[in-house]
Structure formats: structure tokens, C-alpha cells
Amino acid sequence: MVSKAVIPAAGLGTRFLPATKAVPKELLPLVDKPALEYIVEEAARVGLTDILMITGRSKTAIEDHFDRVPEIEAALEKKGDAERLARVQASSELAQMHFVRQGEAKGLGHAVLVAAPHVGNEPFAVLLGDDVVDERDPLLATMIAEQQAHGGSVIALMEVEPEWVSSYGVATVEDAESHGPYAVKRVRDLVEKPPPEEAPSNLAVIGRYVLSPTIFEVLRNTPPGRGGEIQLTDAIKTLAESEPVHGVVFDGRRYDTGDRGDYLKAIVKIACEREDLGPDFWAWLQEYVAAGGPASTR
């Protein structure tokens, strides 16, 4: 049974500088809630309430966010602002949170390996801090069910345009039995960020994994790969040679909040769907577009 989740959150966030000079990129808000809180909520919804966050020396604000803040809570109580009080307290009540520093930026594979003492000898989930999956799409629940059905490890795959494959790990697959709402493939091979002309498919690995604990031993013996880093993709490729690795082909709503354009799209979509903000914001957005968008402000 999968009960633990690992969330790597040690990246520098250079694509969002200068905003991330002092604020961890994972705490940049999607409207008024950090992207990282959406991811912890996703884990908690499927029962993964033992969560290890892999951070770095500049990420103490992440620990603070998931801790209680008595001063703010007392001020809100005094004002009688029960709604905001509940929202402030929610982040500290989602799960049992643990934090460990990666130490050196040696890649995603190394970040996952840091979690070995906490995870132990059981399957576990990995949720990347840049990927936000809409709560209406049961991707993680499906992956856990597939891991229980097939054993081994399960990764999330998504079809991307051929010109984008060089930004992802890409899978060689064959059909497999599905136990949920998404197509499932048996993963036979993986290649990290191939040129489009060398990609074996357009099925890209996205930021959700349910991994066998065997991955730790494989990672210990995985040499640095692309970029001089220990690549999780390379370790899963090796793992597939000795035990099952399946891919759930996700076709739902996902936001890559590590990309500035996708981050802005996520804010707009979430804001439009909010009951408290959506009607007014959507009306303004329609007026803005109808008036010619950026051209209307010149």
C-alpha cells in the first residue's frame, strides 16, 4: 500500500528571476494559494499524508508556509474572519510534513535518493513541484491503483507535440491492461530529452511517479547523465529491465508552473473558475479580448 509521498522542491527557479531571488518558486501563488499547496492537497486527497519535502538552503519559507503562524491566526480570530483563518490553517493540517535538504544540486534522481531513509522498503509517490494537476482529474489515484494491480513502478505520460519532446523524458511503450479511466502502457525504454528526430514516441514523462523502493539501489548506481546530473529517467529505464514499469497516459488538465506562459494560463483558468472571483474576472477578460487585448491599451 502506498502511503508516502516525496516532493522535490530544491530547484533555483531561475526562469522566474527576479521574483524567485528571495521567494521559492514553489510558493509563487496561483491566484492566492501557492502552487506547492495544490500539490500537497493532491497527495492528501488520495491518502498520502506522510509527505517528505526535499528542499535546499534557500527554501526555509516552504517549511514556514506549512507551519502554524499563531500571530496571524490570533489577528484573524480577533477580527472574526473565520474564512481566512480556515484558509491559513489549512496548509498546516493537510498532512504530516517532513523536510530534508538535498545538499547539492545533483539532479532529480539524486533528490529522490535523498528520500531513501524516510521511505524505507515500500512503494512511494513522487510529485514534482512544477506540475499542478486539476483536482477533478484522478491521475494520482489511478497511478496508485495501477501500481497495486501490476506491481513495480508507474509513471505518468502525456502526449506532446513532436517539437516539444526535447524538453522531456520520452517513452517507448506497448499496450497493457488498464484498470482505470486512462490508457495504460508497458514502458520498455526511456530516453531523456531526445532531439525530435530521435524520439521513440511523443509520450512524455510528466511530474507524477509511483515508484518501487528498488529505485533507490538503481539510483545509487546510476552515473550522471544529461547535464551532468543523476537523471531519474535513466534510473527508471534501468529499472524497466528487471521489473514492471507502466505508464498512465494522462489526457486531463495539467499546468506546468515552471514555465512562465503556462503559469499565467493556470492563474487565468483558476481565477475564472473561482466562485468568488470568476464572474467579475471573466467579464473583464471578455471585454479586454473584445477590445483587442494588448492593442486596446495603446
C-alpha atoms as a PDB file:
ATOM      1  CA  MET A   1       0.000   0.000   0.000  1.00  0.00           C
ATOM      2  CA  VAL A   2       1.326   3.438  -0.952  1.00  0.00           C
ATOM      3  CA  SER A   3       1.240   5.853   1.980  1.00  0.00           C
ATOM      4  CA  LYS A   4       4.209   8.194   1.487  1.00  0.00           C
ATOM      5  CA  ALA A   5       4.888  10.980  -0.979  1.00  0.00           C
ATOM      6  CA  VAL A   6       8.126  12.730  -1.873  1.00  0.00           C
ATOM      7  CA  ILE A   7       8.033  16.255  -3.304  1.00  0.00           C
ATOM      8  CA  PRO A   8      11.350  17.562  -4.693  1.00  0.00           C
ATOM      9  CA  ALA A   9      11.414  21.333  -4.236  1.00  0.00           C
ATOM     10  CA  ALA A  10      15.084  22.302  -4.249  1.00  0.00           C
ATOM     11  CA  GLY A  11      15.300  23.985  -7.660  1.00  0.00           C
ATOM     12  CA  LEU A  12      16.551  27.550  -8.028  1.00  0.00           C
ATOM     13  CA  GLY A  13      13.661  28.814 -10.147  1.00  0.00           C
ATOM     14  CA  THR A  14      15.918  30.798 -12.463  1.00  0.00           C
ATOM     15  CA  ARG A  15      13.209  31.168 -15.121  1.00  0.00           C
ATOM     16  CA  PHE A  16      11.226  33.360 -12.718  1.00  0.00           C
ATOM     17  CA  LEU A  17      14.016  35.679 -11.600  1.00  0.00           C
ATOM     18  CA  PRO A  18      13.983  38.220 -10.057  1.00  0.00           C
ATOM     19  CA  ALA A  19      10.719  37.096  -8.383  1.00  0.00           C
ATOM     20  CA  THR A  20      12.459  33.971  -7.076  1.00  0.00           C
ATOM     21  CA  LYS A  21      15.555  35.744  -5.777  1.00  0.00           C
ATOM     22  CA  ALA A  22      14.178  35.528  -2.229  1.00  0.00           C
ATOM     23  CA  VAL A  23      10.895  33.613  -2.669  1.00  0.00           C
ATOM     24  CA  PRO A  24      10.957  29.879  -3.565  1.00  0.00           C
ATOM     25  CA  LYS A  25       9.396  29.333  -6.978  1.00  0.00           C
ATOM     26  CA  GLU A  26       7.129  26.672  -5.457  1.00  0.00           C
ATOM     27  CA  LEU A  27       5.480  29.362  -3.312  1.00  0.00           C
ATOM     28  CA  LEU A  28       4.579  31.636  -6.213  1.00  0.00           C
ATOM     29  CA  PRO A  29       0.791  31.951  -5.991  1.00  0.00           C
ATOM     30  CA  LEU A  30      -1.857  30.595  -8.289  1.00  0.00           C
ATOM     31  CA  VAL A  31      -4.261  33.432  -7.512  1.00  0.00           C
ATOM     32  CA  ASP A  32      -3.905  33.391  -3.688  1.00  0.00           C
ATOM     33  CA  LYS A  33      -2.566  29.920  -2.866  1.00  0.00           C
ATOM     34  CA  PRO A  34       0.968  28.684  -3.592  1.00  0.00           C
ATOM     35  CA  ALA A  35       1.360  26.130  -6.365  1.00  0.00           C
ATOM     36  CA  LEU A  36       3.030  23.799  -3.869  1.00  0.00           C
ATOM     37  CA  GLU A  37      -0.039  23.757  -1.624  1.00  0.00           C
ATOM     38  CA  TYR A  38      -2.141  22.469  -4.541  1.00  0.00           C
ATOM     39  CA  ILE A  39       0.323  19.584  -4.891  1.00  0.00           C
ATOM     40  CA  VAL A  40       0.262  18.705  -1.189  1.00  0.00           C
ATOM     41  CA  GLU A  41      -3.546  18.777  -1.351  1.00  0.00           C
ATOM     42  CA  GLU A  42      -3.424  16.358  -4.284  1.00  0.00           C
ATOM     43  CA  ALA A  43      -1.329  13.905  -2.295  1.00  0.00           C
ATOM     44  CA  ALA A  44      -3.515  14.200   0.783  1.00  0.00           C
ATOM     45  CA  ARG A  45      -6.716  13.568  -1.213  1.00  0.00           C
ATOM     46  CA  VAL A  46      -5.533  10.058  -2.100  1.00  0.00           C
ATOM     47  CA  GLY A  47      -4.350   9.248   1.405  1.00  0.00           C
ATOM     48  CA  LEU A  48      -0.672  10.173   1.067  1.00  0.00           C
ATOM     49  CA  THR A  49      -0.487  12.086   4.327  1.00  0.00           C
ATOM     50  CA  ASP A  50       3.154  11.268   5.143  1.00  0.00           C
ATOM     51  CA  ILE A  51       4.996  13.756   2.943  1.00  0.00           C
ATOM     52  CA  LEU A  52       8.722  14.384   2.643  1.00  0.00           C
ATOM     53  CA  MET A  53       9.715  17.674   1.020  1.00  0.00           C
ATOM     54  CA  ILE A  54      13.207  17.804  -0.499  1.00  0.00           C
ATOM     55  CA  THR A  55      14.385  21.402  -0.185  1.00  0.00           C
ATOM     56  CA  GLY A  56      17.568  23.461  -0.306  1.00  0.00           C
ATOM     57  CA  ARG A  57      19.321  26.077   1.783  1.00  0.00           C
ATOM     58  CA  SER A  58      17.248  28.944   0.367  1.00  0.00           C
ATOM     59  CA  LYS A  59      13.876  27.241   0.876  1.00  0.00           C
ATOM     60  CA  THR A  60      13.107  27.734   4.583  1.00  0.00           C
ATOM     61  CA  ALA A  61       9.994  29.705   3.573  1.00  0.00           C
ATOM     62  CA  ILE A  62       8.462  26.418   2.414  1.00  0.00           C
ATOM     63  CA  GLU A  63       8.722  24.976   5.915  1.00  0.00           C
ATOM     64  CA  ASP A  64       7.237  28.181   7.314  1.00  0.00           C
ATOM     65  CA  HIS A  65       4.287  28.019   4.941  1.00  0.00           C
ATOM     66  CA  PHE A  66       3.254  24.563   6.150  1.00  0.00           C
ATOM     67  CA  ASP A  67       3.694  25.511   9.813  1.00  0.00           C
ATOM     68  CA  ARG A  68       1.259  27.279  12.124  1.00  0.00           C
ATOM     69  CA  VAL A  69       1.510  31.079  12.424  1.00  0.00           C
ATOM     70  CA  PRO A  70      -0.047  31.970  15.792  1.00  0.00           C
ATOM     71  CA  GLU A  71       0.265  35.737  15.295  1.00  0.00           C
ATOM     72  CA  ILE A  72      -1.710  35.750  12.047  1.00  0.00           C
ATOM     73  CA  GLU A  73      -4.251  33.266  13.383  1.00  0.00           C
ATOM     74  CA  ALA A  74      -4.795  35.354  16.515  1.00  0.00           C
ATOM     75  CA  ALA A  75      -5.273  38.515  14.443  1.00  0.00           C
ATOM     76  CA  LEU A  76      -7.856  36.824  12.208  1.00  0.00           C
ATOM     77  CA  GLU A  77      -9.677  35.390  15.217  1.00  0.00           C
ATOM     78  CA  LYS A  78      -9.825  38.844  16.766  1.00  0.00           C
ATOM     79  CA  LYS A  79     -11.309  40.247  13.555  1.00  0.00           C
ATOM     80  CA  GLY A  80     -13.813  37.396  13.370  1.00  0.00           C
ATOM     81  CA  ASP A  81     -12.523  36.484   9.904  1.00  0.00           C
ATOM     82  CA  ALA A  82     -13.313  32.763  10.072  1.00  0.00           C
ATOM     83  CA  GLU A  83     -12.971  32.208   6.323  1.00  0.00           C
ATOM     84  CA  ARG A  84      -9.401  33.485   6.061  1.00  0.00           C
ATOM     85  CA  LEU A  85      -8.484  31.797   9.328  1.00  0.00           C
ATOM     86  CA  ALA A  86      -9.566  28.442   7.932  1.00  0.00           C
ATOM     87  CA  ARG A  87      -7.569  29.015   4.768  1.00  0.00           C
ATOM     88  CA  VAL A  88      -4.438  29.949   6.708  1.00  0.00           C
ATOM     89  CA  GLN A  89      -4.736  26.905   8.958  1.00  0.00           C
ATOM     90  CA  ALA A  90      -5.468  24.511   6.091  1.00  0.00           C
ATOM     91  CA  SER A  91      -1.870  24.229   4.890  1.00  0.00           C
ATOM     92  CA  SER A  92      -0.636  23.055   8.301  1.00  0.00           C
ATOM     93  CA  GLU A  93      -3.387  20.444   8.633  1.00  0.00           C
ATOM     94  CA  LEU A  94      -3.114  18.713   5.257  1.00  0.00           C
ATOM     95  CA  ALA A  95      -0.505  16.090   6.115  1.00  0.00           C
ATOM     96  CA  GLN A  96       2.375  15.105   8.352  1.00  0.00           C
ATOM     97  CA  MET A  97       5.159  17.119   6.758  1.00  0.00           C
ATOM     98  CA  HIS A  98       8.857  16.300   6.888  1.00  0.00           C
ATOM     99  CA  PHE A  99      11.699  18.296   5.372  1.00  0.00           C
ATOM    100  CA  VAL A 100      15.231  17.366   4.340  1.00  0.00           C
ATOM    101  CA  ARG A 101      17.799  19.309   2.315  1.00  0.00           C
ATOM    102  CA  GLN A 102      19.234  17.903  -0.881  1.00  0.00           C
ATOM    103  CA  GLY A 103      22.625  19.419  -0.076  1.00  0.00           C
ATOM    104  CA  GLU A 104      23.972  19.525  -3.627  1.00  0.00           C
ATOM    105  CA  ALA A 105      22.038  20.123  -6.838  1.00  0.00           C
ATOM    106  CA  LYS A 106      22.858  16.802  -8.489  1.00  0.00           C
ATOM    107  CA  GLY A 107      19.579  16.320 -10.332  1.00  0.00           C
ATOM    108  CA  LEU A 108      16.115  14.879  -9.784  1.00  0.00           C
ATOM    109  CA  GLY A 109      17.446  11.358  -9.363  1.00  0.00           C
ATOM    110  CA  HIS A 110      19.692  12.497  -6.530  1.00  0.00           C
ATOM    111  CA  ALA A 111      16.800  14.385  -4.900  1.00  0.00           C
ATOM    112  CA  VAL A 112      14.715  11.198  -4.891  1.00  0.00           C
ATOM    113  CA  LEU A 113      17.643   9.212  -3.494  1.00  0.00           C
ATOM    114  CA  VAL A 114      17.838  11.611  -0.542  1.00  0.00           C
ATOM    115  CA  ALA A 115      14.386  10.318   0.444  1.00  0.00           C
ATOM    116  CA  ALA A 116      15.551   6.697   0.877  1.00  0.00           C
ATOM    117  CA  PRO A 117      15.950   6.718   4.684  1.00  0.00           C
ATOM    118  CA  HIS A 118      12.471   8.171   5.122  1.00  0.00           C
ATOM    119  CA  VAL A 119      10.669   5.985   2.577  1.00  0.00           C
ATOM    120  CA  GLY A 120      12.213   2.651   3.547  1.00  0.00           C
ATOM    121  CA  ASN A 121      11.267  -0.528   1.707  1.00  0.00           C
ATOM    122  CA  GLU A 122       7.845   0.351   0.328  1.00  0.00           C
ATOM    123  CA  PRO A 123       6.425   1.878  -2.853  1.00  0.00           C
ATOM    124  CA  PHE A 124       6.019   5.642  -2.740  1.00  0.00           C
ATOM    125  CA  ALA A 125       4.795   8.540  -4.853  1.00  0.00           C
ATOM    126  CA  VAL A 126       6.868  11.384  -6.261  1.00  0.00           C
ATOM    127  CA  LEU A 127       5.107  14.631  -7.167  1.00  0.00           C
ATOM    128  CA  LEU A 128       7.169  17.316  -8.861  1.00  0.00           C
ATOM    129  CA  GLY A 129       6.698  20.822  -7.530  1.00  0.00           C
ATOM    130  CA  ASP A 130       6.296  22.347 -11.018  1.00  0.00           C
ATOM    131  CA  ASP A 131       3.323  20.214 -12.100  1.00  0.00           C
ATOM    132  CA  VAL A 132      -0.169  21.080 -10.889  1.00  0.00           C
ATOM    133  CA  VAL A 133      -2.914  18.617 -11.821  1.00  0.00           C
ATOM    134  CA  ASP A 134      -6.542  19.728 -11.663  1.00  0.00           C
ATOM    135  CA  GLU A 135      -8.286  18.208  -8.634  1.00  0.00           C
ATOM    136  CA  ARG A 136     -11.095  16.928 -10.881  1.00  0.00           C
ATOM    137  CA  ASP A 137      -8.687  14.623 -12.733  1.00  0.00           C
ATOM    138  CA  PRO A 138      -7.882  11.409 -10.775  1.00  0.00           C
ATOM    139  CA  LEU A 139      -4.368  10.905 -12.145  1.00  0.00           C
ATOM    140  CA  LEU A 140      -2.573  10.037  -8.907  1.00  0.00           C
ATOM    141  CA  ALA A 141      -5.371   7.771  -7.648  1.00  0.00           C
ATOM    142  CA  THR A 142      -5.272   5.907 -10.958  1.00  0.00           C
ATOM    143  CA  MET A 143      -1.492   5.518 -10.802  1.00  0.00           C
ATOM    144  CA  ILE A 144      -1.664   4.066  -7.288  1.00  0.00           C
ATOM    145  CA  ALA A 145      -4.369   1.616  -8.409  1.00  0.00           C
ATOM    146  CA  GLU A 146      -2.267   0.553 -11.404  1.00  0.00           C
ATOM    147  CA  GLN A 147       0.769   0.021  -9.173  1.00  0.00           C
ATOM    148  CA  GLN A 148      -1.287  -2.216  -6.914  1.00  0.00           C
ATOM    149  CA  ALA A 149      -2.560  -4.132  -9.941  1.00  0.00           C
ATOM    150  CA  HIS A 150       0.732  -4.538 -11.821  1.00  0.00           C
ATOM    151  CA  GLY A 151       3.386  -4.128  -9.120  1.00  0.00           C
ATOM    152  CA  GLY A 152       6.667  -2.442  -9.965  1.00  0.00           C
ATOM    153  CA  SER A 153       6.527   1.270 -10.801  1.00  0.00           C
ATOM    154  CA  VAL A 154       4.110   3.563 -12.609  1.00  0.00           C
ATOM    155  CA  ILE A 155       4.905   6.851 -14.339  1.00  0.00           C
ATOM    156  CA  ALA A 156       2.626   9.496 -15.811  1.00  0.00           C
ATOM    157  CA  LEU A 157       2.818  10.047 -19.556  1.00  0.00           C
ATOM    158  CA  MET A 158       1.263  12.733 -21.713  1.00  0.00           C
ATOM    159  CA  GLU A 159       1.138  13.213 -25.461  1.00  0.00           C
ATOM    160  CA  VAL A 160       3.044  16.328 -26.536  1.00  0.00           C
ATOM    161  CA  GLU A 161       3.650  17.952 -29.878  1.00  0.00           C
ATOM    162  CA  PRO A 162       6.716  16.431 -31.591  1.00  0.00           C
ATOM    163  CA  GLU A 163       8.650  19.696 -31.402  1.00  0.00           C
ATOM    164  CA  TRP A 164       8.382  19.610 -27.589  1.00  0.00           C
ATOM    165  CA  VAL A 165       9.797  16.125 -26.951  1.00  0.00           C
ATOM    166  CA  SER A 166      13.309  17.506 -26.427  1.00  0.00           C
ATOM    167  CA  SER A 167      12.062  19.069 -23.171  1.00  0.00           C
ATOM    168  CA  TYR A 168      11.022  15.750 -21.619  1.00  0.00           C
ATOM    169  CA  GLY A 169      11.910  12.164 -20.961  1.00  0.00           C
ATOM    170  CA  VAL A 170      10.215  10.148 -23.717  1.00  0.00           C
ATOM    171  CA  ALA A 171       8.945   6.561 -23.528  1.00  0.00           C
ATOM    172  CA  THR A 172       8.963   3.527 -25.797  1.00  0.00           C
ATOM    173  CA  VAL A 173       5.767   1.650 -24.938  1.00  0.00           C
ATOM    174  CA  GLU A 174       3.425  -1.196 -25.750  1.00  0.00           C
ATOM    175  CA  ASP A 175      -0.230  -1.673 -24.810  1.00  0.00           C
ATOM    176  CA  ALA A 176      -1.151  -3.027 -21.385  1.00  0.00           C
ATOM    177  CA  GLU A 177      -4.299  -3.762 -19.404  1.00  0.00           C
ATOM    178  CA  SER A 178      -5.942  -0.700 -17.853  1.00  0.00           C
ATOM    179  CA  HIS A 179      -7.765  -0.683 -14.515  1.00  0.00           C
ATOM    180  CA  GLY A 180      -8.945   2.928 -14.598  1.00  0.00           C
ATOM    181  CA  PRO A 181     -10.091   5.864 -16.751  1.00  0.00           C
ATOM    182  CA  TYR A 182      -6.809   6.341 -18.644  1.00  0.00           C
ATOM    183  CA  ALA A 183      -4.926   4.238 -21.186  1.00  0.00           C
ATOM    184  CA  VAL A 184      -2.045   2.255 -19.686  1.00  0.00           C
ATOM    185  CA  LYS A 185       1.178   1.262 -21.471  1.00  0.00           C
ATOM    186  CA  ARG A 186       4.031  -1.063 -20.565  1.00  0.00           C
ATOM    187  CA  VAL A 187       7.203   1.020 -20.650  1.00  0.00           C
ATOM    188  CA  ARG A 188      10.060  -0.725 -22.429  1.00  0.00           C
ATOM    189  CA  ASP A 189      12.561   2.110 -22.715  1.00  0.00           C
ATOM    190  CA  LEU A 190      13.079   5.763 -21.837  1.00  0.00           C
ATOM    191  CA  VAL A 191      15.331   8.452 -23.240  1.00  0.00           C
ATOM    192  CA  GLU A 192      15.953  11.836 -21.610  1.00  0.00           C
ATOM    193  CA  LYS A 193      15.263  14.914 -23.776  1.00  0.00           C
ATOM    194  CA  PRO A 194      15.901  13.406 -27.226  1.00  0.00           C
ATOM    195  CA  PRO A 195      16.063  15.508 -30.395  1.00  0.00           C
ATOM    196  CA  PRO A 196      12.664  15.334 -32.147  1.00  0.00           C
ATOM    197  CA  GLU A 197      14.060  13.226 -34.982  1.00  0.00           C
ATOM    198  CA  GLU A 198      15.355  10.620 -32.500  1.00  0.00           C
ATOM    199  CA  ALA A 199      12.356  10.437 -30.160  1.00  0.00           C
ATOM    200  CA  PRO A 200      10.768   6.965 -29.957  1.00  0.00           C
ATOM    201  CA  SER A 201       7.280   8.462 -29.478  1.00  0.00           C
ATOM    202  CA  ASN A 202       5.539  11.636 -28.407  1.00  0.00           C
ATOM    203  CA  LEU A 203       4.667  10.213 -24.973  1.00  0.00           C
ATOM    204  CA  ALA A 204       6.461  12.465 -22.499  1.00  0.00           C
ATOM    205  CA  VAL A 205       7.073  11.748 -18.835  1.00  0.00           C
ATOM    206  CA  ILE A 206       5.376  14.333 -16.633  1.00  0.00           C
ATOM    207  CA  GLY A 207       5.805  15.006 -12.935  1.00  0.00           C
ATOM    208  CA  ARG A 208       3.974  12.128 -11.241  1.00  0.00           C
ATOM    209  CA  TYR A 209       5.558   8.785 -10.320  1.00  0.00           C
ATOM    210  CA  VAL A 210       4.678   5.817  -8.115  1.00  0.00           C
ATOM    211  CA  LEU A 211       7.977   4.034  -7.613  1.00  0.00           C
ATOM    212  CA  SER A 212       9.167   0.713  -6.309  1.00  0.00           C
ATOM    213  CA  PRO A 213      11.746   1.042  -3.500  1.00  0.00           C
ATOM    214  CA  THR A 214      14.118  -0.806  -5.831  1.00  0.00           C
ATOM    215  CA  ILE A 215      14.667   2.580  -7.457  1.00  0.00           C
ATOM    216  CA  PHE A 216      16.981   3.601  -4.606  1.00  0.00           C
ATOM    217  CA  GLU A 217      19.537   0.884  -5.335  1.00  0.00           C
ATOM    218  CA  VAL A 218      19.341   1.679  -9.035  1.00  0.00           C
ATOM    219  CA  LEU A 219      19.890   5.391  -8.339  1.00  0.00           C
ATOM    220  CA  ARG A 220      22.957   4.615  -6.212  1.00  0.00           C
ATOM    221  CA  ASN A 221      24.482   3.002  -9.293  1.00  0.00           C
ATOM    222  CA  THR A 222      23.263   5.494 -11.899  1.00  0.00           C
ATOM    223  CA  PRO A 223      26.065   7.703 -13.254  1.00  0.00           C
ATOM    224  CA  PRO A 224      25.455  11.351 -14.086  1.00  0.00           C
ATOM    225  CA  GLY A 225      23.666  11.722 -17.395  1.00  0.00           C
ATOM    226  CA  ARG A 226      22.411  14.685 -19.403  1.00  0.00           C
ATOM    227  CA  GLY A 227      23.558  17.963 -17.850  1.00  0.00           C
ATOM    228  CA  GLY A 228      25.974  16.132 -15.567  1.00  0.00           C
ATOM    229  CA  GLU A 229      23.086  15.273 -13.239  1.00  0.00           C
ATOM    230  CA  ILE A 230      21.696  11.980 -11.938  1.00  0.00           C
ATOM    231  CA  GLN A 231      18.579  11.609 -14.052  1.00  0.00           C
ATOM    232  CA  LEU A 232      15.521   9.839 -12.633  1.00  0.00           C
ATOM    233  CA  THR A 233      14.578   8.927 -16.205  1.00  0.00           C
ATOM    234  CA  ASP A 234      17.845   6.975 -16.607  1.00  0.00           C
ATOM    235  CA  ALA A 235      17.198   5.060 -13.384  1.00  0.00           C
ATOM    236  CA  ILE A 236      13.629   4.148 -14.390  1.00  0.00           C
ATOM    237  CA  LYS A 237      14.969   2.990 -17.767  1.00  0.00           C
ATOM    238  CA  THR A 238      17.290   0.599 -15.926  1.00  0.00           C
ATOM    239  CA  LEU A 239      14.505  -0.452 -13.562  1.00  0.00           C
ATOM    240  CA  ALA A 240      12.334  -1.457 -16.530  1.00  0.00           C
ATOM    241  CA  GLU A 241      14.885  -4.126 -17.444  1.00  0.00           C
ATOM    242  CA  SER A 242      14.205  -6.100 -14.254  1.00  0.00           C
ATOM    243  CA  GLU A 243      10.667  -5.280 -13.073  1.00  0.00           C
ATOM    244  CA  PRO A 244       7.421  -3.876 -14.499  1.00  0.00           C
ATOM    245  CA  VAL A 245       7.198  -0.196 -15.309  1.00  0.00           C
ATOM    246  CA  HIS A 246       3.843   1.030 -16.587  1.00  0.00           C
ATOM    247  CA  GLY A 247       2.751   4.418 -17.858  1.00  0.00           C
ATOM    248  CA  VAL A 248      -0.653   6.029 -17.321  1.00  0.00           C
ATOM    249  CA  VAL A 249      -1.416   8.216 -20.350  1.00  0.00           C
ATOM    250  CA  PHE A 250      -2.933  11.355 -18.874  1.00  0.00           C
ATOM    251  CA  ASP A 251      -5.231  13.475 -21.033  1.00  0.00           C
ATOM    252  CA  GLY A 252      -6.611  15.821 -18.378  1.00  0.00           C
ATOM    253  CA  ARG A 253      -5.825  19.280 -17.069  1.00  0.00           C
ATOM    254  CA  ARG A 254      -2.223  19.937 -16.062  1.00  0.00           C
ATOM    255  CA  TYR A 255      -0.305  23.169 -15.547  1.00  0.00           C
ATOM    256  CA  ASP A 256       3.478  23.371 -15.847  1.00  0.00           C
ATOM    257  CA  THR A 257       4.038  26.150 -13.343  1.00  0.00           C
ATOM    258  CA  GLY A 258       7.768  26.079 -14.036  1.00  0.00           C
ATOM    259  CA  ASP A 259       7.027  27.676 -17.417  1.00  0.00           C
ATOM    260  CA  ARG A 260       6.082  31.346 -17.295  1.00  0.00           C
ATOM    261  CA  GLY A 261       3.473  31.089 -20.022  1.00  0.00           C
ATOM    262  CA  ASP A 262       1.782  28.019 -18.509  1.00  0.00           C
ATOM    263  CA  TYR A 263       1.958  29.642 -15.078  1.00  0.00           C
ATOM    264  CA  LEU A 264      -0.005  32.649 -16.336  1.00  0.00           C
ATOM    265  CA  LYS A 265      -2.536  30.398 -18.085  1.00  0.00           C
ATOM    266  CA  ALA A 266      -3.042  28.470 -14.857  1.00  0.00           C
ATOM    267  CA  ILE A 267      -3.765  31.681 -12.952  1.00  0.00           C
ATOM    268  CA  VAL A 268      -6.306  32.793 -15.541  1.00  0.00           C
ATOM    269  CA  LYS A 269      -8.075  29.398 -15.641  1.00  0.00           C
ATOM    270  CA  ILE A 270      -8.203  29.028 -11.865  1.00  0.00           C
ATOM    271  CA  ALA A 271      -9.384  32.612 -11.390  1.00  0.00           C
ATOM    272  CA  CYS A 272     -12.144  32.205 -13.984  1.00  0.00           C
ATOM    273  CA  GLU A 273     -13.434  29.081 -12.215  1.00  0.00           C
ATOM    274  CA  ARG A 274     -13.439  30.583  -8.720  1.00  0.00           C
ATOM    275  CA  GLU A 275     -16.927  31.379  -7.414  1.00  0.00           C
ATOM    276  CA  ASP A 276     -15.693  34.462  -5.581  1.00  0.00           C
ATOM    277  CA  LEU A 277     -13.598  35.878  -8.435  1.00  0.00           C
ATOM    278  CA  GLY A 278     -14.729  34.166 -11.607  1.00  0.00           C
ATOM    279  CA  PRO A 279     -17.827  36.128 -12.702  1.00  0.00           C
ATOM    280  CA  ASP A 280     -16.232  39.580 -12.468  1.00  0.00           C
ATOM    281  CA  PHE A 281     -12.840  38.460 -13.770  1.00  0.00           C
ATOM    282  CA  TRP A 282     -14.354  36.542 -16.710  1.00  0.00           C
ATOM    283  CA  ALA A 283     -16.499  39.524 -17.658  1.00  0.00           C
ATOM    284  CA  TRP A 284     -13.439  41.805 -17.614  1.00  0.00           C
ATOM    285  CA  LEU A 285     -11.400  39.286 -19.606  1.00  0.00           C
ATOM    286  CA  GLN A 286     -14.051  39.059 -22.318  1.00  0.00           C
ATOM    287  CA  GLU A 287     -14.192  42.851 -22.536  1.00  0.00           C
ATOM    288  CA  TYR A 288     -10.394  43.042 -22.723  1.00  0.00           C
ATOM    289  CA  VAL A 289     -10.194  40.489 -25.534  1.00  0.00           C
ATOM    290  CA  ALA A 290     -13.121  42.010 -27.432  1.00  0.00           C
ATOM    291  CA  ALA A 291     -11.423  45.392 -27.277  1.00  0.00           C
ATOM    292  CA  GLY A 292      -8.324  43.967 -28.929  1.00  0.00           C
ATOM    293  CA  GLY A 293      -6.291  42.771 -25.956  1.00  0.00           C
ATOM    294  CA  PRO A 294      -2.898  44.478 -25.684  1.00  0.00           C
ATOM    295  CA  ALA A 295      -3.762  46.748 -28.606  1.00  0.00           C
ATOM    296  CA  SER A 296      -6.605  48.256 -26.576  1.00  0.00           C
ATOM    297  CA  THR A 297      -4.173  49.728 -24.038  1.00  0.00           C
ATOM    298  CA  ARG A 298      -2.017  51.563 -26.524  1.00  0.00           C
END
